[in-house]
Amino acid sequence: MELGRVLSLFVAMLALAYGLSVAATNWLAAACLIQFSILTAAEHDSARVQSLLEGHEAAFASVKMALLLAGLLLLW
């Protein structure tokens, strides 16, 4: 597995853990972080998702980044 993929999954794991830890206090931030993690894992794991994303990788990356930033800004 290449380093970029490992780092991406590691960030998704951290976002999931942090989202679950703040779910009781800030449910909207938790939802954004958990959704970011789900989309990242599906992107790397599912061949069906990869086939759906063909040609739309930039838009998908933008959606994922928006979810991550929204989740972190809502916690701040």
Protein backbone atom coordinates (compact mmCIF):
# COMPACT_ATOMS: atom_id res chain seq x y z
CA MET A 1 0.00 0.00 0.00
CA GLU A 2 1.37 3.40 -0.90
CA LEU A 3 2.18 6.02 1.72
CA GLY A 4 -0.47 8.53 0.62
CA ARG A 5 -3.20 5.93 0.97
CA VAL A 6 -1.98 4.92 4.42
CA LEU A 7 -1.91 8.55 5.56
CA SER A 8 -5.39 9.16 4.17
CA LEU A 9 -6.78 6.17 6.06
CA PHE A 10 -4.93 7.24 9.21
CA VAL A 11 -6.53 10.71 9.05
CA ALA A 12 -9.90 9.04 8.52
CA MET A 13 -9.30 6.85 11.57
CA LEU A 14 -8.41 9.88 13.69
CA ALA A 15 -11.47 11.78 12.45
CA LEU A 16 -13.69 8.81 13.29
CA ALA A 17 -12.25 8.47 16.79
CA TYR A 18 -12.57 12.20 17.44
CA GLY A 19 -16.08 12.28 16.00
CA LEU A 20 -17.19 9.45 18.24
CA SER A 21 -15.63 11.10 21.28
CA VAL A 22 -17.49 14.40 20.79
CA ALA A 23 -20.81 12.90 19.65
CA ALA A 24 -22.49 13.56 23.00
CA THR A 25 -21.54 17.24 23.10
CA ASN A 26 -21.52 18.34 19.46
CA TRP A 27 -23.56 16.03 17.24
CA LEU A 28 -23.21 18.12 14.07
CA ALA A 29 -19.41 18.16 14.20
CA ALA A 30 -19.43 14.45 14.99
CA ALA A 31 -21.67 13.77 11.99
CA CYS A 32 -19.32 15.65 9.66
CA LEU A 33 -16.22 13.87 10.96
CA ILE A 34 -17.83 10.43 10.87
CA GLN A 35 -19.16 10.99 7.34
CA PHE A 36 -15.68 12.06 6.21
CA SER A 37 -14.30 8.81 7.62
CA ILE A 38 -16.98 6.70 5.95
CA LEU A 39 -16.41 8.32 2.55
CA THR A 40 -12.63 7.95 2.82
CA ALA A 41 -12.84 4.28 3.76
CA ALA A 42 -15.37 3.59 1.00
CA GLU A 43 -13.18 5.35 -1.54
CA HIS A 44 -10.23 3.12 -0.73
CA ASP A 45 -12.08 -0.13 -0.10
CA SER A 46 -15.01 -0.40 -2.48
CA ALA A 47 -14.52 -1.10 -6.18
CA ARG A 48 -18.09 0.03 -6.80
CA VAL A 49 -17.43 3.45 -5.27
CA GLN A 50 -14.22 3.77 -7.26
CA SER A 51 -16.11 3.04 -10.49
CA LEU A 52 -18.75 5.65 -9.58
CA LEU A 53 -16.05 8.25 -8.95
CA GLU A 54 -14.36 7.94 -12.33
CA GLY A 55 -14.09 11.46 -13.67
CA HIS A 56 -15.39 13.04 -10.46
CA GLU A 57 -12.38 12.64 -8.18
CA ALA A 58 -11.86 16.39 -7.68
CA ALA A 59 -15.48 16.99 -6.69
CA PHE A 60 -15.42 14.04 -4.29
CA ALA A 61 -12.19 15.28 -2.71
CA SER A 62 -13.78 18.72 -2.31
CA VAL A 63 -16.81 17.25 -0.55
CA LYS A 64 -14.61 15.23 1.78
CA MET A 65 -12.43 18.25 2.58
CA ALA A 66 -15.53 20.38 3.22
CA LEU A 67 -16.84 17.77 5.67
CA LEU A 68 -13.51 17.61 7.49
CA LEU A 69 -13.17 21.38 7.71
CA ALA A 70 -16.79 21.84 8.79
CA GLY A 71 -16.38 19.24 11.51
CA LEU A 72 -13.22 20.83 12.83
CA LEU A 73 -14.58 24.38 12.65
CA LEU A 74 -17.74 23.37 14.52
CA LEU A 75 -15.54 22.08 17.32
CA TRP A 76 -13.54 25.27 17.56
